[in-house]
Amino acid sequence: MSQSSFLLYIETNFLMGIATGRDPKADVLLAHLPEGLRLAIPQVCFMEALSVSGRVEKQRARLTNRLEREIAQVRRDLTSRNAKDLLPLLERANVTNQKLGKDVSTRLFDAIHLLGQTAELITVSGAILDASRESILIADNADNLILHKPQRDS
């Protein structure tokens, strides 16, 4: 690695920050990596992000179900002006909730694609597992494993 080159290690939270819109500048970083900056991510983080995304989708589906039940209840009230006012709001919330779910999924897969094109993917082999158990470079086991990744040819 040259003196002007830096390696930025990223994990699942980076992907989920992009997907959920919590880190609005992360996708800009991926699209326009500064000169001399390289990214590295363990391949397992892609699987973990997809797993987390699945849980987020299930939560969104529970909200959809709840909204649909509430919509059905409000529709039954034929006399309340408040019910008439609330119904379109609930219907719009339901549609918007579904659109937001699509946004999250699209951002996640876009980030996965960009990282697949730009980042160094850290794989775990039996030799790396053994080396990380034999040589403790850092107290955290996961980080110690990552530090034992094969060195890239410079």
N, C-alpha and C. Protein backbone atom coordinates (compact mmCIF):
# COMPACT_ATOMS: atom_id res chain seq x y z
N MET A 1 0.84 -1.17 0.00
CA MET A 1 0.00 0.00 0.00
C MET A 1 0.89 1.24 0.00
N SER A 2 0.62 2.16 -0.89
CA SER A 2 1.42 3.37 -0.95
C SER A 2 1.03 4.30 0.19
N GLN A 3 1.89 5.30 0.45
CA GLN A 3 1.62 6.22 1.55
C GLN A 3 0.37 7.05 1.32
N SER A 4 -0.03 7.27 0.10
CA SER A 4 -1.21 8.08 -0.19
C SER A 4 -2.48 7.24 -0.34
N SER A 5 -2.40 5.97 -0.02
CA SER A 5 -3.55 5.09 -0.14
C SER A 5 -4.07 4.72 1.25
N PHE A 6 -5.38 4.80 1.42
CA PHE A 6 -6.00 4.47 2.69
C PHE A 6 -7.06 3.40 2.48
N LEU A 7 -7.17 2.50 3.44
CA LEU A 7 -8.17 1.44 3.38
C LEU A 7 -9.22 1.73 4.44
N LEU A 8 -10.46 1.87 4.03
CA LEU A 8 -11.58 2.10 4.94
C LEU A 8 -12.35 0.79 5.06
N TYR A 9 -12.40 0.28 6.26
CA TYR A 9 -13.10 -0.96 6.54
C TYR A 9 -14.55 -0.63 6.88
N ILE A 10 -15.48 -1.28 6.21
CA ILE A 10 -16.90 -1.03 6.47
C ILE A 10 -17.60 -2.35 6.78
N GLU A 11 -18.75 -2.25 7.42
CA GLU A 11 -19.50 -3.42 7.83
C GLU A 11 -20.97 -3.28 7.46
N THR A 12 -21.78 -4.17 7.99
CA THR A 12 -23.21 -4.25 7.71
C THR A 12 -23.92 -2.92 7.98
N ASN A 13 -23.57 -2.25 9.06
CA ASN A 13 -24.25 -1.00 9.41
C ASN A 13 -24.10 0.06 8.32
N PHE A 14 -23.00 0.03 7.59
CA PHE A 14 -22.79 0.96 6.48
C PHE A 14 -23.86 0.71 5.41
N LEU A 15 -24.04 -0.56 5.06
CA LEU A 15 -25.07 -0.92 4.07
C LEU A 15 -26.46 -0.54 4.56
N MET A 16 -26.76 -0.87 5.81
CA MET A 16 -28.09 -0.59 6.34
C MET A 16 -28.32 0.91 6.51
N GLY A 17 -27.25 1.66 6.80
CA GLY A 17 -27.37 3.11 6.88
C GLY A 17 -27.80 3.71 5.55
N ILE A 18 -27.26 3.16 4.47
CA ILE A 18 -27.66 3.60 3.13
C ILE A 18 -29.10 3.17 2.86
N ALA A 19 -29.40 1.90 3.11
CA ALA A 19 -30.72 1.35 2.79
C ALA A 19 -31.84 2.08 3.52
N THR A 20 -31.62 2.39 4.79
CA THR A 20 -32.67 3.01 5.59
C THR A 20 -32.64 4.53 5.56
N GLY A 21 -31.69 5.10 4.83
CA GLY A 21 -31.63 6.54 4.69
C GLY A 21 -31.06 7.25 5.90
N ARG A 22 -30.43 6.51 6.81
CA ARG A 22 -29.84 7.12 8.01
C ARG A 22 -28.52 7.81 7.71
N ASP A 23 -27.88 7.44 6.62
CA ASP A 23 -26.59 8.03 6.27
C ASP A 23 -26.65 8.52 4.83
N PRO A 24 -27.19 9.72 4.63
CA PRO A 24 -27.43 10.21 3.27
C PRO A 24 -26.17 10.45 2.44
N LYS A 25 -25.00 10.54 3.08
CA LYS A 25 -23.78 10.80 2.33
C LYS A 25 -23.01 9.53 1.99
N ALA A 26 -23.41 8.39 2.55
CA ALA A 26 -22.68 7.15 2.31
C ALA A 26 -22.76 6.71 0.86
N ASP A 27 -23.92 6.84 0.23
CA ASP A 27 -24.02 6.44 -1.17
C ASP A 27 -23.22 7.36 -2.08
N VAL A 28 -23.09 8.62 -1.68
CA VAL A 28 -22.25 9.56 -2.43
C VAL A 28 -20.79 9.11 -2.36
N LEU A 29 -20.36 8.68 -1.16
CA LEU A 29 -19.00 8.17 -1.00
C LEU A 29 -18.77 6.98 -1.93
N LEU A 30 -19.74 6.07 -1.99
CA LEU A 30 -19.59 4.90 -2.86
C LEU A 30 -19.51 5.28 -4.33
N ALA A 31 -20.32 6.24 -4.71
CA ALA A 31 -20.37 6.62 -6.13
C ALA A 31 -19.15 7.43 -6.55
N HIS A 32 -18.51 8.12 -5.60
CA HIS A 32 -17.38 8.99 -5.93
C HIS A 32 -16.28 8.81 -4.89
N LEU A 33 -15.63 7.67 -4.93
CA LEU A 33 -14.54 7.41 -3.97
C LEU A 33 -13.40 8.39 -4.20
N PRO A 34 -12.95 9.04 -3.13
CA PRO A 34 -11.81 9.95 -3.27
C PRO A 34 -10.56 9.19 -3.72
N GLU A 35 -9.71 9.87 -4.42
CA GLU A 35 -8.44 9.30 -4.88
C GLU A 35 -7.67 8.74 -3.69
N GLY A 36 -7.18 7.54 -3.82
CA GLY A 36 -6.36 6.93 -2.78
C GLY A 36 -7.14 6.23 -1.68
N LEU A 37 -8.48 6.27 -1.74
CA LEU A 37 -9.29 5.59 -0.72
C LEU A 37 -9.80 4.28 -1.29
N ARG A 38 -9.53 3.23 -0.56
CA ARG A 38 -10.05 1.90 -0.92
C ARG A 38 -10.99 1.46 0.17
N LEU A 39 -12.00 0.68 -0.20
CA LEU A 39 -12.96 0.15 0.76
C LEU A 39 -12.76 -1.35 0.89
N ALA A 40 -13.00 -1.87 2.09
CA ALA A 40 -12.96 -3.32 2.32
C ALA A 40 -14.16 -3.69 3.16
N ILE A 41 -14.78 -4.81 2.82
CA ILE A 41 -15.96 -5.29 3.55
C ILE A 41 -15.95 -6.81 3.56
N PRO A 42 -16.21 -7.40 4.72
CA PRO A 42 -16.33 -8.86 4.76
C PRO A 42 -17.53 -9.30 3.93
N GLN A 43 -17.37 -10.35 3.16
CA GLN A 43 -18.47 -10.83 2.33
C GLN A 43 -19.70 -11.19 3.16
N VAL A 44 -19.47 -11.67 4.38
CA VAL A 44 -20.58 -12.05 5.24
C VAL A 44 -21.49 -10.86 5.55
N CYS A 45 -20.97 -9.64 5.46
CA CYS A 45 -21.79 -8.46 5.72
C CYS A 45 -22.91 -8.31 4.71
N PHE A 46 -22.70 -8.78 3.49
CA PHE A 46 -23.77 -8.75 2.49
C PHE A 46 -24.92 -9.64 2.93
N MET A 47 -24.59 -10.85 3.38
CA MET A 47 -25.62 -11.77 3.86
C MET A 47 -26.32 -11.20 5.09
N GLU A 48 -25.55 -10.62 5.98
CA GLU A 48 -26.13 -10.05 7.20
C GLU A 48 -27.07 -8.89 6.85
N ALA A 49 -26.69 -8.04 5.91
CA ALA A 49 -27.55 -6.93 5.50
C ALA A 49 -28.84 -7.44 4.89
N LEU A 50 -28.75 -8.50 4.10
CA LEU A 50 -29.96 -9.07 3.51
C LEU A 50 -30.86 -9.65 4.59
N SER A 51 -30.27 -10.25 5.60
CA SER A 51 -31.03 -10.79 6.71
C SER A 51 -31.72 -9.68 7.49
N VAL A 52 -31.00 -8.62 7.80
CA VAL A 52 -31.58 -7.48 8.50
C VAL A 52 -32.68 -6.86 7.65
N SER A 53 -32.44 -6.75 6.36
CA SER A 53 -33.43 -6.20 5.45
C SER A 53 -34.72 -7.03 5.49
N GLY A 54 -34.57 -8.34 5.58
CA GLY A 54 -35.75 -9.21 5.68
C GLY A 54 -36.55 -8.92 6.94
N ARG A 55 -35.87 -8.66 8.05
CA ARG A 55 -36.58 -8.31 9.29
C ARG A 55 -37.27 -6.96 9.16
N VAL A 56 -36.61 -6.01 8.50
CA VAL A 56 -37.22 -4.70 8.28
C VAL A 56 -38.47 -4.85 7.41
N GLU A 57 -38.40 -5.69 6.39
CA GLU A 57 -39.56 -5.92 5.52
C GLU A 57 -40.71 -6.54 6.31
N LYS A 58 -40.41 -7.45 7.22
CA LYS A 58 -41.46 -8.07 8.05
C LYS A 58 -42.12 -7.03 8.95
N GLN A 59 -41.32 -6.12 9.51
CA GLN A 59 -41.89 -5.05 10.34
C GLN A 59 -42.80 -4.16 9.50
N ARG A 60 -42.37 -3.85 8.29
CA ARG A 60 -43.18 -3.02 7.39
C ARG A 60 -44.47 -3.75 7.03
N ALA A 61 -44.40 -5.06 6.83
CA ALA A 61 -45.59 -5.84 6.51
C ALA A 61 -46.57 -5.85 7.69
N ARG A 62 -46.04 -5.90 8.92
CA ARG A 62 -46.91 -5.83 10.10
C ARG A 62 -47.63 -4.48 10.15
N LEU A 63 -46.91 -3.40 9.81
CA LEU A 63 -47.54 -2.09 9.77
C LEU A 63 -48.63 -2.05 8.69
N THR A 64 -48.35 -2.62 7.54
CA THR A 64 -49.34 -2.68 6.46
C THR A 64 -50.59 -3.41 6.95
N ASN A 65 -50.40 -4.55 7.61
CA ASN A 65 -51.56 -5.31 8.12
C ASN A 65 -52.35 -4.50 9.13
N ARG A 66 -51.65 -3.81 10.01
CA ARG A 66 -52.31 -2.98 11.02
C ARG A 66 -53.08 -1.85 10.36
N LEU A 67 -52.48 -1.19 9.40
CA LEU A 67 -53.16 -0.10 8.69
C LEU A 67 -54.39 -0.62 7.97
N GLU A 68 -54.28 -1.77 7.33
CA GLU A 68 -55.43 -2.33 6.61
C GLU A 68 -56.57 -2.68 7.56
N ARG A 69 -56.25 -3.17 8.76
CA ARG A 69 -57.29 -3.45 9.76
C ARG A 69 -57.96 -2.15 10.21
N GLU A 70 -57.14 -1.12 10.43
CA GLU A 70 -57.70 0.16 10.85
C GLU A 70 -58.55 0.78 9.75
N ILE A 71 -58.11 0.66 8.51
CA ILE A 71 -58.89 1.18 7.38
C ILE A 71 -60.25 0.50 7.34
N ALA A 72 -60.26 -0.82 7.51
CA ALA A 72 -61.52 -1.56 7.50
C ALA A 72 -62.44 -1.10 8.63
N GLN A 73 -61.89 -0.85 9.81
CA GLN A 73 -62.69 -0.38 10.95
C GLN A 73 -63.26 1.02 10.69
N VAL A 74 -62.42 1.91 10.19
CA VAL A 74 -62.86 3.28 9.95
C VAL A 74 -63.94 3.33 8.87
N ARG A 75 -63.84 2.48 7.87
CA ARG A 75 -64.85 2.44 6.79
C ARG A 75 -66.23 2.07 7.33
N ARG A 76 -66.27 1.33 8.41
CA ARG A 76 -67.55 0.90 8.98
C ARG A 76 -68.30 2.03 9.67
N ASP A 77 -67.56 3.07 10.07
CA ASP A 77 -68.20 4.19 10.74
C ASP A 77 -68.80 5.11 9.69
N LEU A 78 -70.10 5.06 9.56
CA LEU A 78 -70.79 5.81 8.50
C LEU A 78 -71.29 7.18 8.95
N THR A 79 -71.13 7.49 10.23
CA THR A 79 -71.70 8.75 10.72
C THR A 79 -70.67 9.77 11.17
N SER A 80 -69.48 9.37 11.52
CA SER A 80 -68.49 10.29 12.06
C SER A 80 -67.76 11.04 10.95
N ARG A 81 -67.73 12.36 11.08
CA ARG A 81 -66.96 13.20 10.15
C ARG A 81 -65.46 12.90 10.32
N ASN A 82 -65.05 12.63 11.56
CA ASN A 82 -63.64 12.31 11.83
C ASN A 82 -63.22 11.04 11.12
N ALA A 83 -64.10 10.05 11.08
CA ALA A 83 -63.80 8.81 10.37
C ALA A 83 -63.62 9.08 8.88
N LYS A 84 -64.46 9.93 8.34
CA LYS A 84 -64.35 10.28 6.92
C LYS A 84 -63.04 11.02 6.63
N ASP A 85 -62.61 11.84 7.58
CA ASP A 85 -61.35 12.56 7.42
C ASP A 85 -60.14 11.64 7.58
N LEU A 86 -60.26 10.68 8.50
CA LEU A 86 -59.15 9.78 8.80
C LEU A 86 -58.91 8.74 7.69
N LEU A 87 -59.97 8.29 7.05
CA LEU A 87 -59.85 7.22 6.06
C LEU A 87 -58.82 7.52 4.96
N PRO A 88 -58.88 8.65 4.27
CA PRO A 88 -57.87 8.89 3.22
C PRO A 88 -56.45 9.01 3.77
N LEU A 89 -56.32 9.49 5.01
CA LEU A 89 -54.99 9.58 5.61
C LEU A 89 -54.41 8.18 5.85
N LEU A 90 -55.23 7.29 6.37
CA LEU A 90 -54.77 5.91 6.58
C LEU A 90 -54.45 5.22 5.26
N GLU A 91 -55.29 5.44 4.26
CA GLU A 91 -55.04 4.83 2.95
C GLU A 91 -53.75 5.37 2.34
N ARG A 92 -53.53 6.65 2.46
CA ARG A 92 -52.29 7.25 1.94
C ARG A 92 -51.08 6.74 2.73
N ALA A 93 -51.23 6.61 4.04
CA ALA A 93 -50.13 6.07 4.86
C ALA A 93 -49.80 4.65 4.43
N ASN A 94 -50.80 3.87 4.11
CA ASN A 94 -50.58 2.48 3.68
C ASN A 94 -49.80 2.44 2.36
N VAL A 95 -50.20 3.24 1.42
CA VAL A 95 -49.50 3.30 0.13
C VAL A 95 -48.08 3.81 0.31
N THR A 96 -47.91 4.85 1.11
CA THR A 96 -46.59 5.42 1.35
C THR A 96 -45.68 4.44 2.07
N ASN A 97 -46.23 3.68 3.01
CA ASN A 97 -45.47 2.65 3.71
C ASN A 97 -44.92 1.62 2.72
N GLN A 98 -45.74 1.21 1.77
CA GLN A 98 -45.29 0.24 0.78
C GLN A 98 -44.22 0.84 -0.14
N LYS A 99 -44.38 2.10 -0.51
CA LYS A 99 -43.36 2.77 -1.33
C LYS A 99 -42.04 2.89 -0.58
N LEU A 100 -42.13 3.20 0.71
CA LEU A 100 -40.91 3.30 1.51
C LEU A 100 -40.19 1.96 1.57
N GLY A 101 -40.93 0.88 1.69
CA GLY A 101 -40.32 -0.45 1.68
C GLY A 101 -39.55 -0.70 0.39
N LYS A 102 -40.12 -0.28 -0.73
CA LYS A 102 -39.43 -0.42 -2.02
C LYS A 102 -38.18 0.45 -2.07
N ASP A 103 -38.27 1.66 -1.51
CA ASP A 103 -37.11 2.55 -1.46
C ASP A 103 -35.95 1.89 -0.71
N VAL A 104 -36.26 1.33 0.45
CA VAL A 104 -35.23 0.69 1.27
C VAL A 104 -34.57 -0.46 0.50
N SER A 105 -35.39 -1.29 -0.12
CA SER A 105 -34.86 -2.42 -0.87
C SER A 105 -33.99 -1.96 -2.04
N THR A 106 -34.45 -0.97 -2.76
CA THR A 106 -33.69 -0.45 -3.91
C THR A 106 -32.35 0.12 -3.46
N ARG A 107 -32.37 0.91 -2.39
CA ARG A 107 -31.11 1.50 -1.90
C ARG A 107 -30.13 0.43 -1.43
N LEU A 108 -30.66 -0.62 -0.77
CA LEU A 108 -29.78 -1.70 -0.31
C LEU A 108 -29.13 -2.40 -1.50
N PHE A 109 -29.92 -2.78 -2.49
CA PHE A 109 -29.35 -3.50 -3.63
C PHE A 109 -28.43 -2.63 -4.47
N ASP A 110 -28.72 -1.33 -4.54
CA ASP A 110 -27.80 -0.42 -5.23
C ASP A 110 -26.47 -0.35 -4.49
N ALA A 111 -26.52 -0.27 -3.16
CA ALA A 111 -25.29 -0.22 -2.36
C ALA A 111 -24.51 -1.52 -2.49
N ILE A 112 -25.20 -2.64 -2.46
CA ILE A 112 -24.54 -3.94 -2.63
C ILE A 112 -23.85 -4.00 -3.99
N HIS A 113 -24.53 -3.53 -5.01
CA HIS A 113 -23.94 -3.54 -6.36
C HIS A 113 -22.68 -2.67 -6.39
N LEU A 114 -22.78 -1.44 -5.87
CA LEU A 114 -21.62 -0.55 -5.90
C LEU A 114 -20.45 -1.11 -5.10
N LEU A 115 -20.73 -1.68 -3.93
CA LEU A 115 -19.64 -2.26 -3.14
C LEU A 115 -19.05 -3.47 -3.83
N GLY A 116 -19.88 -4.25 -4.49
CA GLY A 116 -19.36 -5.40 -5.24
C GLY A 116 -18.42 -4.98 -6.36
N GLN A 117 -18.63 -3.77 -6.88
CA GLN A 117 -17.79 -3.25 -7.96
C GLN A 117 -16.54 -2.54 -7.45
N THR A 118 -16.60 -1.95 -6.25
CA THR A 118 -15.52 -1.07 -5.81
C THR A 118 -14.73 -1.55 -4.61
N ALA A 119 -15.33 -2.37 -3.77
CA ALA A 119 -14.66 -2.73 -2.50
C ALA A 119 -13.86 -4.01 -2.62
N GLU A 120 -12.88 -4.11 -1.75
CA GLU A 120 -12.16 -5.37 -1.59
C GLU A 120 -13.03 -6.24 -0.71
N LEU A 121 -13.38 -7.42 -1.21
CA LEU A 121 -14.25 -8.31 -0.47
C LEU A 121 -13.40 -9.25 0.38
N ILE A 122 -13.64 -9.22 1.67
CA ILE A 122 -12.86 -10.03 2.60
C ILE A 122 -13.54 -11.38 2.75
N THR A 123 -12.81 -12.42 2.38
CA THR A 123 -13.33 -13.78 2.52
C THR A 123 -12.72 -14.42 3.76
N VAL A 124 -13.39 -15.42 4.25
CA VAL A 124 -12.89 -16.16 5.41
C VAL A 124 -12.60 -17.58 4.97
N SER A 125 -11.36 -18.02 5.18
CA SER A 125 -10.96 -19.39 4.85
C SER A 125 -10.61 -20.11 6.14
N GLY A 126 -10.43 -21.39 6.04
CA GLY A 126 -10.00 -22.17 7.20
C GLY A 126 -8.67 -21.69 7.74
N ALA A 127 -7.75 -21.34 6.85
CA ALA A 127 -6.43 -20.86 7.27
C ALA A 127 -6.56 -19.54 8.04
N ILE A 128 -7.44 -18.67 7.59
CA ILE A 128 -7.63 -17.39 8.27
C ILE A 128 -8.26 -17.62 9.64
N LEU A 129 -9.23 -18.54 9.71
CA LEU A 129 -9.83 -18.86 11.00
C LEU A 129 -8.78 -19.37 11.98
N ASP A 130 -7.94 -20.27 11.50
CA ASP A 130 -6.88 -20.82 12.37
C ASP A 130 -5.91 -19.72 12.81
N ALA A 131 -5.51 -18.88 11.86
CA ALA A 131 -4.55 -17.81 12.18
C ALA A 131 -5.14 -16.85 13.21
N SER A 132 -6.41 -16.55 13.10
CA SER A 132 -7.02 -15.61 14.04
C SER A 132 -7.12 -16.19 15.44
N ARG A 133 -7.24 -17.50 15.55
CA ARG A 133 -7.27 -18.14 16.87
C ARG A 133 -5.87 -18.23 17.46
N GLU A 134 -4.87 -18.40 16.62
CA GLU A 134 -3.50 -18.56 17.08
C GLU A 134 -2.81 -17.24 17.41
N SER A 135 -3.22 -16.16 16.73
CA SER A 135 -2.56 -14.87 16.91
C SER A 135 -3.61 -13.80 17.19
N ILE A 136 -3.66 -13.34 18.42
CA ILE A 136 -4.62 -12.32 18.81
C ILE A 136 -3.99 -10.95 18.57
N LEU A 137 -4.51 -10.24 17.57
CA LEU A 137 -4.02 -8.91 17.23
C LEU A 137 -4.85 -7.83 17.91
N ILE A 138 -6.10 -8.18 18.24
CA ILE A 138 -7.03 -7.24 18.87
C ILE A 138 -8.03 -8.07 19.67
N ALA A 139 -8.54 -7.51 20.75
CA ALA A 139 -9.38 -8.28 21.68
C ALA A 139 -10.69 -8.77 21.07
N ASP A 140 -11.33 -7.97 20.24
CA ASP A 140 -12.61 -8.35 19.64
C ASP A 140 -12.39 -9.47 18.63
N ASN A 141 -13.06 -10.60 18.82
CA ASN A 141 -12.85 -11.77 17.96
C ASN A 141 -13.18 -11.50 16.50
N ALA A 142 -14.29 -10.81 16.24
CA ALA A 142 -14.66 -10.53 14.85
C ALA A 142 -13.62 -9.63 14.18
N ASP A 143 -13.22 -8.58 14.88
CA ASP A 143 -12.21 -7.67 14.32
C ASP A 143 -10.86 -8.38 14.17
N ASN A 144 -10.52 -9.23 15.12
CA ASN A 144 -9.27 -9.99 15.03
C ASN A 144 -9.28 -10.87 13.77
N LEU A 145 -10.42 -11.49 13.49
CA LEU A 145 -10.56 -12.32 12.30
C LEU A 145 -10.33 -11.48 11.04
N ILE A 146 -10.91 -10.31 11.01
CA ILE A 146 -10.78 -9.43 9.84
C ILE A 146 -9.34 -8.99 9.64
N LEU A 147 -8.65 -8.72 10.73
CA LEU A 147 -7.25 -8.29 10.63
C LEU A 147 -6.36 -9.38 10.05
N HIS A 148 -6.82 -10.60 10.05
CA HIS A 148 -6.05 -11.71 9.48
C HIS A 148 -6.37 -11.97 8.01
N LYS A 149 -7.11 -11.04 7.40
CA LYS A 149 -7.45 -11.23 5.98
C LYS A 149 -6.16 -11.28 5.17
N PRO A 150 -6.20 -11.99 4.05
CA PRO A 150 -4.99 -12.03 3.20
C PRO A 150 -4.65 -10.61 2.72
N GLN A 151 -3.40 -10.29 2.69
CA GLN A 151 -2.95 -8.98 2.25
C GLN A 151 -3.05 -8.90 0.74
N ARG A 152 -3.53 -7.78 0.27
CA ARG A 152 -3.67 -7.52 -1.17
C ARG A 152 -2.31 -7.20 -1.75
N ASP A 153 -2.10 -7.69 -2.95
CA ASP A 153 -0.84 -7.34 -3.65
C ASP A 153 -0.85 -5.87 -3.99
N SER A 154 0.23 -5.17 -3.69
CA SER A 154 0.31 -3.72 -3.97
C SER A 154 1.02 -3.47 -5.26
